[in-house]
Amino acid sequence: MRSMDPMNPPMNSTDRQRTLDYFERLGRDKVRLYSAIDCDRYLGGWQVRELADQWLAEKAEEERPVPLWRRIVRRR
């Protein structure tokens, strides 16, 4: 956990949801690009960077193809 920064207070749930909505509007490629280039400049501080990393990991997991055996097992 990072130390408390007076210039960058902890995100509340509203800020977190707004940021996730913003990521959805931007899309996976732009979020990845912005976080790789200069996250502080384009997206926000370290909290947004961590949220972007989590969001990108979730999107990658959603897009990963589901093996045939899992699709068969789910149907039962």
N, C-alpha and C. Protein backbone atom coordinates (compact mmCIF):
# COMPACT_ATOMS: atom_id res chain seq x y z
N MET A 1 0.84 -1.17 0.00
CA MET A 1 0.00 0.00 0.00
C MET A 1 0.89 1.24 0.00
N ARG A 2 0.51 2.21 -0.75
CA ARG A 2 1.29 3.43 -0.84
C ARG A 2 0.96 4.37 0.31
N SER A 3 1.91 5.23 0.62
CA SER A 3 1.68 6.18 1.69
C SER A 3 0.70 7.26 1.23
N MET A 4 0.09 7.92 2.19
CA MET A 4 -0.90 8.94 1.90
C MET A 4 -0.21 10.17 1.31
N ASP A 5 -0.66 10.61 0.17
CA ASP A 5 -0.13 11.78 -0.49
C ASP A 5 -1.18 12.88 -0.41
N PRO A 6 -0.87 14.00 0.23
CA PRO A 6 -1.88 15.05 0.37
C PRO A 6 -2.33 15.64 -0.97
N MET A 7 -1.50 15.54 -1.98
CA MET A 7 -1.87 16.06 -3.30
C MET A 7 -2.71 15.06 -4.09
N ASN A 8 -2.77 13.82 -3.65
CA ASN A 8 -3.49 12.77 -4.34
C ASN A 8 -4.24 11.91 -3.33
N PRO A 9 -5.39 12.40 -2.81
CA PRO A 9 -6.12 11.65 -1.79
C PRO A 9 -6.68 10.34 -2.34
N PRO A 10 -7.05 9.40 -1.46
CA PRO A 10 -7.59 8.12 -1.92
C PRO A 10 -8.85 8.30 -2.76
N MET A 11 -9.02 7.42 -3.72
CA MET A 11 -10.21 7.47 -4.57
C MET A 11 -11.42 6.97 -3.80
N ASN A 12 -12.53 7.67 -3.92
CA ASN A 12 -13.76 7.15 -3.34
C ASN A 12 -14.48 6.31 -4.41
N SER A 13 -15.57 5.69 -4.05
CA SER A 13 -16.25 4.79 -4.98
C SER A 13 -16.80 5.52 -6.21
N THR A 14 -17.23 6.77 -6.04
CA THR A 14 -17.73 7.54 -7.17
C THR A 14 -16.61 7.84 -8.17
N ASP A 15 -15.46 8.26 -7.65
CA ASP A 15 -14.32 8.52 -8.53
C ASP A 15 -13.87 7.26 -9.25
N ARG A 16 -13.88 6.17 -8.52
CA ARG A 16 -13.48 4.89 -9.09
C ARG A 16 -14.42 4.50 -10.23
N GLN A 17 -15.73 4.63 -10.02
CA GLN A 17 -16.70 4.27 -11.05
C GLN A 17 -16.59 5.19 -12.26
N ARG A 18 -16.39 6.47 -12.02
CA ARG A 18 -16.22 7.41 -13.13
C ARG A 18 -14.97 7.07 -13.95
N THR A 19 -13.92 6.69 -13.27
CA THR A 19 -12.69 6.33 -13.97
C THR A 19 -12.89 5.07 -14.79
N LEU A 20 -13.57 4.08 -14.24
CA LEU A 20 -13.85 2.85 -14.99
C LEU A 20 -14.73 3.14 -16.20
N ASP A 21 -15.71 4.02 -16.04
CA ASP A 21 -16.56 4.42 -17.17
C ASP A 21 -15.73 5.11 -18.25
N TYR A 22 -14.80 5.94 -17.82
CA TYR A 22 -13.90 6.63 -18.76
C TYR A 22 -13.05 5.62 -19.51
N PHE A 23 -12.55 4.61 -18.82
CA PHE A 23 -11.77 3.56 -19.47
C PHE A 23 -12.62 2.86 -20.53
N GLU A 24 -13.87 2.59 -20.21
CA GLU A 24 -14.76 1.92 -21.16
C GLU A 24 -14.95 2.78 -22.41
N ARG A 25 -15.10 4.09 -22.21
CA ARG A 25 -15.26 4.98 -23.36
C ARG A 25 -13.98 5.05 -24.20
N LEU A 26 -12.84 5.08 -23.54
CA LEU A 26 -11.57 5.14 -24.26
C LEU A 26 -11.30 3.86 -25.04
N GLY A 27 -11.55 2.74 -24.41
CA GLY A 27 -11.25 1.46 -25.03
C GLY A 27 -9.91 0.92 -24.55
N ARG A 28 -9.75 -0.36 -24.74
CA ARG A 28 -8.58 -1.06 -24.22
C ARG A 28 -7.27 -0.53 -24.80
N ASP A 29 -7.25 -0.29 -26.10
CA ASP A 29 -6.00 0.12 -26.74
C ASP A 29 -5.52 1.48 -26.25
N LYS A 30 -6.43 2.44 -26.13
CA LYS A 30 -6.03 3.77 -25.67
C LYS A 30 -5.63 3.76 -24.20
N VAL A 31 -6.34 3.00 -23.37
CA VAL A 31 -5.96 2.93 -21.96
C VAL A 31 -4.57 2.32 -21.83
N ARG A 32 -4.31 1.28 -22.59
CA ARG A 32 -2.98 0.65 -22.57
C ARG A 32 -1.92 1.64 -23.04
N LEU A 33 -2.21 2.36 -24.10
CA LEU A 33 -1.26 3.33 -24.64
C LEU A 33 -1.01 4.47 -23.64
N TYR A 34 -2.07 5.05 -23.10
CA TYR A 34 -1.92 6.16 -22.16
C TYR A 34 -1.19 5.74 -20.89
N SER A 35 -1.49 4.56 -20.41
CA SER A 35 -0.83 4.12 -19.17
C SER A 35 0.63 3.77 -19.43
N ALA A 36 0.96 3.37 -20.64
CA ALA A 36 2.35 3.04 -20.97
C ALA A 36 3.18 4.29 -21.22
N ILE A 37 2.60 5.29 -21.84
CA ILE A 37 3.35 6.51 -22.18
C ILE A 37 3.59 7.35 -20.94
N ASP A 38 2.53 7.86 -20.36
CA ASP A 38 2.66 8.75 -19.21
C ASP A 38 1.32 8.76 -18.48
N CYS A 39 1.13 7.82 -17.61
CA CYS A 39 -0.15 7.67 -16.92
C CYS A 39 -0.51 8.92 -16.12
N ASP A 40 0.46 9.53 -15.46
CA ASP A 40 0.16 10.72 -14.66
C ASP A 40 -0.38 11.85 -15.53
N ARG A 41 0.17 11.99 -16.70
CA ARG A 41 -0.26 13.08 -17.58
C ARG A 41 -1.62 12.81 -18.21
N TYR A 42 -1.85 11.60 -18.71
CA TYR A 42 -3.07 11.31 -19.46
C TYR A 42 -4.22 10.80 -18.62
N LEU A 43 -3.94 10.05 -17.59
CA LEU A 43 -5.02 9.42 -16.83
C LEU A 43 -5.12 9.91 -15.40
N GLY A 44 -4.03 10.11 -14.73
CA GLY A 44 -4.07 10.52 -13.33
C GLY A 44 -2.92 9.92 -12.56
N GLY A 45 -3.00 9.94 -11.25
CA GLY A 45 -1.93 9.50 -10.37
C GLY A 45 -1.81 7.99 -10.27
N TRP A 46 -1.07 7.56 -9.26
CA TRP A 46 -0.76 6.14 -9.09
C TRP A 46 -2.01 5.31 -8.86
N GLN A 47 -3.03 5.87 -8.23
CA GLN A 47 -4.26 5.11 -7.99
C GLN A 47 -4.95 4.77 -9.31
N VAL A 48 -4.96 5.74 -10.21
CA VAL A 48 -5.55 5.50 -11.53
C VAL A 48 -4.71 4.50 -12.30
N ARG A 49 -3.40 4.57 -12.14
CA ARG A 49 -2.50 3.62 -12.81
C ARG A 49 -2.81 2.19 -12.36
N GLU A 50 -2.97 2.00 -11.06
CA GLU A 50 -3.29 0.67 -10.55
C GLU A 50 -4.65 0.21 -11.04
N LEU A 51 -5.62 1.13 -11.05
CA LEU A 51 -6.95 0.80 -11.54
C LEU A 51 -6.91 0.45 -13.03
N ALA A 52 -6.10 1.18 -13.79
CA ALA A 52 -5.95 0.89 -15.22
C ALA A 52 -5.33 -0.50 -15.43
N ASP A 53 -4.34 -0.84 -14.63
CA ASP A 53 -3.72 -2.16 -14.73
C ASP A 53 -4.73 -3.27 -14.43
N GLN A 54 -5.55 -3.07 -13.40
CA GLN A 54 -6.58 -4.05 -13.05
C GLN A 54 -7.61 -4.16 -14.17
N TRP A 55 -8.03 -3.02 -14.70
CA TRP A 55 -9.04 -3.00 -15.76
C TRP A 55 -8.52 -3.70 -17.01
N LEU A 56 -7.27 -3.42 -17.36
CA LEU A 56 -6.68 -4.07 -18.54
C LEU A 56 -6.57 -5.58 -18.34
N ALA A 57 -6.23 -6.01 -17.13
CA ALA A 57 -6.14 -7.45 -16.85
C ALA A 57 -7.52 -8.11 -16.98
N GLU A 58 -8.55 -7.43 -16.50
CA GLU A 58 -9.91 -7.97 -16.62
C GLU A 58 -10.34 -8.06 -18.07
N LYS A 59 -10.01 -7.05 -18.86
CA LYS A 59 -10.37 -7.06 -20.28
C LYS A 59 -9.63 -8.18 -21.02
N ALA A 60 -8.38 -8.39 -20.68
CA ALA A 60 -7.62 -9.47 -21.30
C ALA A 60 -8.23 -10.82 -20.96
N GLU A 61 -8.67 -10.97 -19.72
CA GLU A 61 -9.30 -12.22 -19.29
C GLU A 61 -10.62 -12.45 -20.02
N GLU A 62 -11.40 -11.38 -20.22
CA GLU A 62 -12.68 -11.50 -20.94
C GLU A 62 -12.47 -11.91 -22.39
N GLU A 63 -11.41 -11.43 -23.00
CA GLU A 63 -11.17 -11.70 -24.41
C GLU A 63 -10.46 -13.02 -24.67
N ARG A 64 -9.94 -13.63 -23.63
CA ARG A 64 -9.26 -14.91 -23.80
C ARG A 64 -10.30 -15.96 -24.21
N PRO A 65 -10.03 -16.70 -25.27
CA PRO A 65 -11.00 -17.70 -25.73
C PRO A 65 -11.21 -18.79 -24.67
N VAL A 66 -12.45 -19.20 -24.55
CA VAL A 66 -12.80 -20.24 -23.59
C VAL A 66 -12.61 -21.59 -24.26
N PRO A 67 -11.86 -22.50 -23.62
CA PRO A 67 -11.65 -23.82 -24.20
C PRO A 67 -12.98 -24.57 -24.40
N LEU A 68 -12.99 -25.43 -25.39
CA LEU A 68 -14.19 -26.18 -25.72
C LEU A 68 -14.72 -26.97 -24.54
N TRP A 69 -13.83 -27.61 -23.79
CA TRP A 69 -14.30 -28.44 -22.68
C TRP A 69 -15.00 -27.60 -21.62
N ARG A 70 -14.58 -26.34 -21.41
CA ARG A 70 -15.27 -25.49 -20.43
C ARG A 70 -16.66 -25.08 -20.93
N ARG A 71 -16.79 -24.83 -22.23
CA ARG A 71 -18.10 -24.48 -22.77
C ARG A 71 -19.05 -25.65 -22.63
N ILE A 72 -18.57 -26.86 -22.84
CA ILE A 72 -19.41 -28.05 -22.72
C ILE A 72 -19.84 -28.25 -21.27
N VAL A 73 -18.90 -28.10 -20.33
CA VAL A 73 -19.19 -28.29 -18.91
C VAL A 73 -20.18 -27.23 -18.43
N ARG A 74 -20.07 -26.01 -18.90
CA ARG A 74 -20.98 -24.93 -18.48
C ARG A 74 -22.42 -25.20 -18.88
N ARG A 75 -22.62 -25.84 -20.01
CA ARG A 75 -23.96 -26.08 -20.51
C ARG A 75 -24.74 -27.07 -19.66
N ARG A 76 -24.04 -27.87 -18.90
CA ARG A 76 -24.71 -28.90 -18.10
C ARG A 76 -25.21 -28.37 -16.83
